Amino acid sequence: MAEEKTTVIETRKKLISRLKKRKPWFRRYSHFAYSFPDNWRKPTGLHSKMREDEKNKPATVKPGYRTAKIIRYLHPSGYEEVYVRTLNELQKIDSKTQAARLASGLSEKKRKTIAEKAKQIGVKVLNP
């Protein structure tokens, strides 16, 4: 009975999905009642029940909801993002735990050469 070894990326992906379920989706108070978006704003009203953290009111942003250090700043795929502008920067990437994100100011020609080189090395490119 051979035990399968889980890679670092697989364990990171499992952690990301598990911890994401635990964190509530913070929405703006009364976003459904008025024509403003549901992105988060701190409630500031004088008699606001949400600001006073009363029971049965939506959750407010607090330091305790912060992402765990193990998965903080990771891409949803589980890789650590490394910003790449040149071929030399691509050479320094550890293909097991890191993935390349190509700079937006790169020309089409340079982007192609870096993407081809990444394929040869075995580095994942997040925005080919």
C-alpha atoms as a PDB file:
ATOM      1  CA  MET A   1       0.000   0.000   0.000  1.00  0.00           C
ATOM      2  CA  ALA A   2       1.879   3.039  -1.275  1.00  0.00           C
ATOM      3  CA  GLU A   3       1.049   6.332   0.382  1.00  0.00           C
ATOM      4  CA  GLU A   4       0.623   9.293  -1.916  1.00  0.00           C
ATOM      5  CA  LYS A   5       2.762  12.306  -1.079  1.00  0.00           C
ATOM      6  CA  THR A   6       0.861  15.546  -1.265  1.00  0.00           C
ATOM      7  CA  THR A   7       2.745  18.436  -2.780  1.00  0.00           C
ATOM      8  CA  VAL A   8       3.099  21.838  -1.164  1.00  0.00           C
ATOM      9  CA  ILE A   9       0.740  23.326  -3.758  1.00  0.00           C
ATOM     10  CA  GLU A  10      -2.011  20.775  -3.065  1.00  0.00           C
ATOM     11  CA  THR A  11      -1.898  21.378   0.683  1.00  0.00           C
ATOM     12  CA  ARG A  12      -1.935  25.149   0.134  1.00  0.00           C
ATOM     13  CA  LYS A  13      -4.982  24.866  -2.153  1.00  0.00           C
ATOM     14  CA  LYS A  14      -6.832  22.794   0.453  1.00  0.00           C
ATOM     15  CA  LEU A  15      -5.980  25.325   3.159  1.00  0.00           C
ATOM     16  CA  ILE A  16      -7.111  28.253   0.996  1.00  0.00           C
ATOM     17  CA  SER A  17     -10.486  26.674   0.247  1.00  0.00           C
ATOM     18  CA  ARG A  18     -11.048  25.590   3.867  1.00  0.00           C
ATOM     19  CA  LEU A  19     -10.215  28.984   5.371  1.00  0.00           C
ATOM     20  CA  LYS A  20     -12.187  30.840   2.693  1.00  0.00           C
ATOM     21  CA  LYS A  21     -15.365  29.047   3.798  1.00  0.00           C
ATOM     22  CA  ARG A  22     -14.884  30.249   7.371  1.00  0.00           C
ATOM     23  CA  LYS A  23     -14.650  33.954   6.534  1.00  0.00           C
ATOM     24  CA  PRO A  24     -17.955  35.796   5.962  1.00  0.00           C
ATOM     25  CA  TRP A  25     -18.597  37.940   2.924  1.00  0.00           C
ATOM     26  CA  PHE A  26     -18.468  41.498   4.221  1.00  0.00           C
ATOM     27  CA  ARG A  27     -21.111  43.677   2.577  1.00  0.00           C
ATOM     28  CA  ARG A  28     -22.158  47.277   2.965  1.00  0.00           C
ATOM     29  CA  TYR A  29     -25.045  47.747   5.355  1.00  0.00           C
ATOM     30  CA  SER A  30     -28.450  48.153   3.603  1.00  0.00           C
ATOM     31  CA  HIS A  31     -26.875  47.694   0.174  1.00  0.00           C
ATOM     32  CA  PHE A  32     -30.061  45.931  -0.940  1.00  0.00           C
ATOM     33  CA  ALA A  33     -32.344  48.819   0.061  1.00  0.00           C
ATOM     34  CA  TYR A  34     -30.612  51.619  -1.842  1.00  0.00           C
ATOM     35  CA  SER A  35     -28.849  51.966  -5.167  1.00  0.00           C
ATOM     36  CA  PHE A  36     -25.282  51.721  -3.902  1.00  0.00           C
ATOM     37  CA  PRO A  37     -22.917  48.781  -4.380  1.00  0.00           C
ATOM     38  CA  ASP A  38     -22.401  46.023  -1.824  1.00  0.00           C
ATOM     39  CA  ASN A  39     -18.640  46.574  -1.377  1.00  0.00           C
ATOM     40  CA  TRP A  40     -17.554  47.101   2.228  1.00  0.00           C
ATOM     41  CA  ARG A  41     -17.887  50.446   4.010  1.00  0.00           C
ATOM     42  CA  LYS A  42     -17.629  50.839   7.771  1.00  0.00           C
ATOM     43  CA  PRO A  43     -21.047  51.666   9.274  1.00  0.00           C
ATOM     44  CA  THR A  44     -20.911  55.113  10.894  1.00  0.00           C
ATOM     45  CA  GLY A  45     -24.526  55.862  11.796  1.00  0.00           C
ATOM     46  CA  LEU A  46     -25.312  57.173  15.280  1.00  0.00           C
ATOM     47  CA  HIS A  47     -27.827  54.406  16.062  1.00  0.00           C
ATOM     48  CA  SER A  48     -26.473  51.786  13.658  1.00  0.00           C
ATOM     49  CA  LYS A  49     -27.044  48.275  15.016  1.00  0.00           C
ATOM     50  CA  MET A  50     -24.311  46.899  12.793  1.00  0.00           C
ATOM     51  CA  ARG A  51     -21.748  49.415  14.103  1.00  0.00           C
ATOM     52  CA  GLU A  52     -22.626  48.456  17.676  1.00  0.00           C
ATOM     53  CA  ASP A  53     -22.189  44.737  16.831  1.00  0.00           C
ATOM     54  CA  GLU A  54     -25.647  43.659  17.922  1.00  0.00           C
ATOM     55  CA  LYS A  55     -26.750  40.048  17.551  1.00  0.00           C
ATOM     56  CA  ASN A  56     -28.301  38.897  14.267  1.00  0.00           C
ATOM     57  CA  LYS A  57     -26.666  41.719  12.308  1.00  0.00           C
ATOM     58  CA  PRO A  58     -24.094  41.183   9.538  1.00  0.00           C
ATOM     59  CA  ALA A  59     -20.462  40.636  10.511  1.00  0.00           C
ATOM     60  CA  THR A  60     -18.089  43.600  10.473  1.00  0.00           C
ATOM     61  CA  VAL A  61     -14.435  43.588   9.467  1.00  0.00           C
ATOM     62  CA  LYS A  62     -12.112  42.775  12.391  1.00  0.00           C
ATOM     63  CA  PRO A  63      -8.449  41.743  12.748  1.00  0.00           C
ATOM     64  CA  GLY A  64      -9.467  38.210  13.739  1.00  0.00           C
ATOM     65  CA  TYR A  65     -10.676  37.487  10.204  1.00  0.00           C
ATOM     66  CA  ARG A  66      -7.201  38.072   8.721  1.00  0.00           C
ATOM     67  CA  THR A  67      -5.840  35.371   6.434  1.00  0.00           C
ATOM     68  CA  ALA A  68      -3.455  32.833   7.979  1.00  0.00           C
ATOM     69  CA  LYS A  69       0.260  33.584   7.478  1.00  0.00           C
ATOM     70  CA  ILE A  70       0.810  30.299   5.650  1.00  0.00           C
ATOM     71  CA  ILE A  71      -1.484  31.251   2.764  1.00  0.00           C
ATOM     72  CA  ARG A  72      -1.328  35.050   2.880  1.00  0.00           C
ATOM     73  CA  TYR A  73      -0.478  36.685  -0.489  1.00  0.00           C
ATOM     74  CA  LEU A  74      -0.779  33.388  -2.380  1.00  0.00           C
ATOM     75  CA  HIS A  75      -2.517  32.995  -5.739  1.00  0.00           C
ATOM     76  CA  PRO A  76      -5.740  30.900  -5.578  1.00  0.00           C
ATOM     77  CA  SER A  77      -3.864  28.152  -7.457  1.00  0.00           C
ATOM     78  CA  GLY A  78      -1.589  27.809  -4.396  1.00  0.00           C
ATOM     79  CA  TYR A  79       1.530  29.295  -5.990  1.00  0.00           C
ATOM     80  CA  GLU A  80       3.469  32.271  -4.680  1.00  0.00           C
ATOM     81  CA  GLU A  81       3.397  35.021  -7.325  1.00  0.00           C
ATOM     82  CA  VAL A  82       6.711  36.373  -8.611  1.00  0.00           C
ATOM     83  CA  TYR A  83       6.681  39.485 -10.798  1.00  0.00           C
ATOM     84  CA  VAL A  84       8.846  38.879 -13.897  1.00  0.00           C
ATOM     85  CA  ARG A  85      10.290  41.530 -16.223  1.00  0.00           C
ATOM     86  CA  THR A  86      13.371  39.761 -17.631  1.00  0.00           C
ATOM     87  CA  LEU A  87      14.680  36.276 -18.412  1.00  0.00           C
ATOM     88  CA  ASN A  88      17.146  36.551 -15.514  1.00  0.00           C
ATOM     89  CA  GLU A  89      14.268  37.004 -13.056  1.00  0.00           C
ATOM     90  CA  LEU A  90      12.571  33.954 -14.570  1.00  0.00           C
ATOM     91  CA  GLN A  91      15.683  31.815 -13.918  1.00  0.00           C
ATOM     92  CA  LYS A  92      15.503  32.539 -10.164  1.00  0.00           C
ATOM     93  CA  ILE A  93      11.983  31.111  -9.742  1.00  0.00           C
ATOM     94  CA  ASP A  94      11.457  27.855  -7.829  1.00  0.00           C
ATOM     95  CA  SER A  95       8.999  25.970 -10.058  1.00  0.00           C
ATOM     96  CA  LYS A  96       7.643  23.831  -7.205  1.00  0.00           C
ATOM     97  CA  THR A  97       6.246  26.678  -5.093  1.00  0.00           C
ATOM     98  CA  GLN A  98       6.350  29.831  -7.249  1.00  0.00           C
ATOM     99  CA  ALA A  99       4.642  30.983 -10.448  1.00  0.00           C
ATOM    100  CA  ALA A 100       5.503  33.870 -12.774  1.00  0.00           C
ATOM    101  CA  ARG A 101       3.336  36.923 -13.378  1.00  0.00           C
ATOM    102  CA  LEU A 102       4.578  38.826 -16.416  1.00  0.00           C
ATOM    103  CA  ALA A 103       4.896  42.604 -16.154  1.00  0.00           C
ATOM    104  CA  SER A 104       2.183  44.561 -17.971  1.00  0.00           C
ATOM    105  CA  GLY A 105       4.678  46.808 -19.774  1.00  0.00           C
ATOM    106  CA  LEU A 106       6.369  43.942 -21.646  1.00  0.00           C
ATOM    107  CA  SER A 107       6.286  43.950 -25.438  1.00  0.00           C
ATOM    108  CA  GLU A 108       4.575  41.132 -27.330  1.00  0.00           C
ATOM    109  CA  LYS A 109       7.946  39.773 -28.500  1.00  0.00           C
ATOM    110  CA  LYS A 110       9.517  39.729 -25.034  1.00  0.00           C
ATOM    111  CA  ARG A 111       6.356  38.235 -23.535  1.00  0.00           C
ATOM    112  CA  LYS A 112       6.511  35.351 -26.030  1.00  0.00           C
ATOM    113  CA  THR A 113      10.189  34.623 -25.378  1.00  0.00           C
ATOM    114  CA  ILE A 114       9.674  34.623 -21.605  1.00  0.00           C
ATOM    115  CA  ALA A 115       6.598  32.361 -21.919  1.00  0.00           C
ATOM    116  CA  GLU A 116       8.527  29.888 -24.104  1.00  0.00           C
ATOM    117  CA  LYS A 117      11.475  29.847 -21.705  1.00  0.00           C
ATOM    118  CA  ALA A 118       9.100  29.309 -18.772  1.00  0.00           C
ATOM    119  CA  LYS A 119       7.588  26.324 -20.545  1.00  0.00           C
ATOM    120  CA  GLN A 120      11.066  24.826 -21.055  1.00  0.00           C
ATOM    121  CA  ILE A 121      12.026  25.329 -17.404  1.00  0.00           C
ATOM    122  CA  GLY A 122       8.630  24.124 -16.147  1.00  0.00           C
ATOM    123  CA  VAL A 123       7.517  27.379 -14.517  1.00  0.00           C
ATOM    124  CA  LYS A 124       3.812  28.194 -14.520  1.00  0.00           C
ATOM    125  CA  VAL A 125       2.891  31.590 -16.023  1.00  0.00           C
ATOM    126  CA  LEU A 126      -0.242  33.108 -14.466  1.00  0.00           C
ATOM    127  CA  ASN A 127      -0.900  35.613 -17.282  1.00  0.00           C
ATOM    128  CA  PRO A 128       0.575  34.272 -20.558  1.00  0.00           C
END
